[in-house]
Amino acid sequence: MRIGEVAEQAGVSVRALRHYEEQGLLGSTRTSGRQRQYADGAVERVRMIQQL
């Protein structure tokens, strides 16, 4: 799932997702085109981070 999709489904900004990654709270892999790719559970993880 791409960063924009995760942000939209979780109700947060792309900037917030990048911040969570910098803090080590969320992980992603990179495609050959250097785009972030998130696992299927990323939306739920972001929602949990927001609640905490």
N, C-alpha and C. Protein backbone atom coordinates (compact mmCIF):
# COMPACT_ATOMS: atom_id res chain seq x y z
N MET A 1 0.85 -1.16 0.00
CA MET A 1 0.00 0.00 0.00
C MET A 1 0.90 1.24 0.00
N ARG A 2 0.59 2.21 -0.82
CA ARG A 2 1.42 3.42 -0.91
C ARG A 2 1.07 4.41 0.20
N ILE A 3 1.97 5.36 0.41
CA ILE A 3 1.86 6.30 1.53
C ILE A 3 0.55 7.11 1.49
N GLY A 4 0.14 7.54 0.31
CA GLY A 4 -1.10 8.30 0.20
C GLY A 4 -2.33 7.49 0.56
N GLU A 5 -2.30 6.21 0.21
CA GLU A 5 -3.42 5.33 0.54
C GLU A 5 -3.52 5.11 2.04
N VAL A 6 -2.39 4.89 2.67
CA VAL A 6 -2.38 4.69 4.13
C VAL A 6 -2.86 5.96 4.83
N ALA A 7 -2.34 7.10 4.40
CA ALA A 7 -2.73 8.37 5.01
C ALA A 7 -4.23 8.60 4.89
N GLU A 8 -4.77 8.37 3.71
CA GLU A 8 -6.21 8.59 3.50
C GLU A 8 -7.05 7.65 4.35
N GLN A 9 -6.71 6.38 4.34
CA GLN A 9 -7.51 5.40 5.09
C GLN A 9 -7.40 5.58 6.59
N ALA A 10 -6.23 6.03 7.05
CA ALA A 10 -6.03 6.22 8.49
C ALA A 10 -6.49 7.60 8.96
N GLY A 11 -6.72 8.51 8.02
CA GLY A 11 -7.17 9.84 8.40
C GLY A 11 -6.07 10.74 8.93
N VAL A 12 -4.84 10.54 8.45
CA VAL A 12 -3.71 11.36 8.87
C VAL A 12 -3.02 11.93 7.63
N SER A 13 -2.09 12.83 7.85
CA SER A 13 -1.36 13.41 6.73
C SER A 13 -0.16 12.52 6.36
N VAL A 14 0.32 12.70 5.15
CA VAL A 14 1.52 12.01 4.69
C VAL A 14 2.69 12.42 5.57
N ARG A 15 2.72 13.67 5.94
CA ARG A 15 3.80 14.17 6.82
C ARG A 15 3.81 13.42 8.15
N ALA A 16 2.62 13.14 8.70
CA ALA A 16 2.55 12.40 9.96
C ALA A 16 3.13 11.00 9.80
N LEU A 17 2.85 10.35 8.68
CA LEU A 17 3.39 9.01 8.44
C LEU A 17 4.91 9.04 8.37
N ARG A 18 5.44 10.05 7.70
CA ARG A 18 6.90 10.18 7.62
C ARG A 18 7.50 10.39 9.01
N HIS A 19 6.81 11.18 9.84
CA HIS A 19 7.27 11.41 11.21
C HIS A 19 7.26 10.11 12.01
N TYR A 20 6.21 9.33 11.89
CA TYR A 20 6.14 8.05 12.61
C TYR A 20 7.27 7.13 12.18
N GLU A 21 7.62 7.16 10.92
CA GLU A 21 8.75 6.36 10.44
C GLU A 21 10.06 6.84 11.05
N GLU A 22 10.26 8.14 11.09
CA GLU A 22 11.48 8.70 11.67
C GLU A 22 11.62 8.33 13.14
N GLN A 23 10.50 8.23 13.83
CA GLN A 23 10.50 7.89 15.25
C GLN A 23 10.59 6.38 15.48
N GLY A 24 10.54 5.60 14.42
CA GLY A 24 10.63 4.15 14.55
C GLY A 24 9.32 3.48 14.92
N LEU A 25 8.21 4.20 14.79
CA LEU A 25 6.90 3.66 15.15
C LEU A 25 6.23 2.92 13.99
N LEU A 26 6.67 3.17 12.79
CA LEU A 26 6.06 2.61 11.59
C LEU A 26 7.17 2.29 10.60
N GLY A 27 7.04 1.18 9.93
CA GLY A 27 8.06 0.79 8.97
C GLY A 27 7.50 0.67 7.57
N SER A 28 8.38 0.78 6.60
CA SER A 28 8.00 0.59 5.20
C SER A 28 9.19 0.05 4.45
N THR A 29 8.92 -0.44 3.27
CA THR A 29 9.98 -0.84 2.36
C THR A 29 9.95 0.12 1.18
N ARG A 30 10.97 0.05 0.35
CA ARG A 30 11.03 0.93 -0.82
C ARG A 30 10.92 0.09 -2.09
N THR A 31 10.17 0.59 -3.04
CA THR A 31 10.08 -0.05 -4.34
C THR A 31 11.32 0.32 -5.15
N SER A 32 11.46 -0.27 -6.31
CA SER A 32 12.61 0.06 -7.17
C SER A 32 12.58 1.52 -7.58
N GLY A 33 11.39 2.13 -7.58
CA GLY A 33 11.24 3.55 -7.89
C GLY A 33 11.38 4.45 -6.67
N ARG A 34 11.83 3.86 -5.53
CA ARG A 34 12.07 4.58 -4.27
C ARG A 34 10.78 5.07 -3.59
N GLN A 35 9.65 4.48 -3.93
CA GLN A 35 8.40 4.85 -3.25
C GLN A 35 8.22 3.98 -2.02
N ARG A 36 7.65 4.57 -0.98
CA ARG A 36 7.39 3.81 0.24
C ARG A 36 6.25 2.82 -0.02
N GLN A 37 6.41 1.62 0.51
CA GLN A 37 5.39 0.59 0.41
C GLN A 37 5.13 0.09 1.82
N TYR A 38 3.87 0.15 2.26
CA TYR A 38 3.51 -0.25 3.62
C TYR A 38 2.78 -1.58 3.62
N ALA A 39 2.93 -2.31 4.69
CA ALA A 39 2.25 -3.60 4.87
C ALA A 39 0.75 -3.36 5.05
N ASP A 40 -0.01 -4.41 4.89
CA ASP A 40 -1.47 -4.31 5.02
C ASP A 40 -1.92 -3.82 6.38
N GLY A 41 -1.18 -4.13 7.44
CA GLY A 41 -1.57 -3.72 8.78
C GLY A 41 -1.19 -2.30 9.16
N ALA A 42 -0.64 -1.55 8.23
CA ALA A 42 -0.16 -0.20 8.53
C ALA A 42 -1.28 0.74 8.96
N VAL A 43 -2.43 0.63 8.34
CA VAL A 43 -3.55 1.53 8.68
C VAL A 43 -3.96 1.32 10.13
N GLU A 44 -4.10 0.07 10.54
CA GLU A 44 -4.47 -0.21 11.92
C GLU A 44 -3.40 0.26 12.89
N ARG A 45 -2.15 0.10 12.52
CA ARG A 45 -1.05 0.55 13.39
C ARG A 45 -1.09 2.06 13.55
N VAL A 46 -1.33 2.79 12.48
CA VAL A 46 -1.40 4.25 12.56
C VAL A 46 -2.58 4.67 13.43
N ARG A 47 -3.69 4.01 13.30
CA ARG A 47 -4.84 4.33 14.15
C ARG A 47 -4.52 4.09 15.62
N MET A 48 -3.78 3.03 15.90
CA MET A 48 -3.39 2.75 17.28
C MET A 48 -2.44 3.85 17.78
N ILE A 49 -1.49 4.24 16.96
CA ILE A 49 -0.56 5.31 17.34
C ILE A 49 -1.34 6.58 17.66
N GLN A 50 -2.33 6.90 16.85
CA GLN A 50 -3.14 8.10 17.06
C GLN A 50 -3.89 8.03 18.39
N GLN A 51 -4.38 6.85 18.74
CA GLN A 51 -5.12 6.70 20.00
C GLN A 51 -4.21 6.87 21.21
N LEU A 52 -2.97 6.41 21.06
CA LEU A 52 -2.03 6.50 22.18
C LEU A 52 -1.57 7.92 22.36
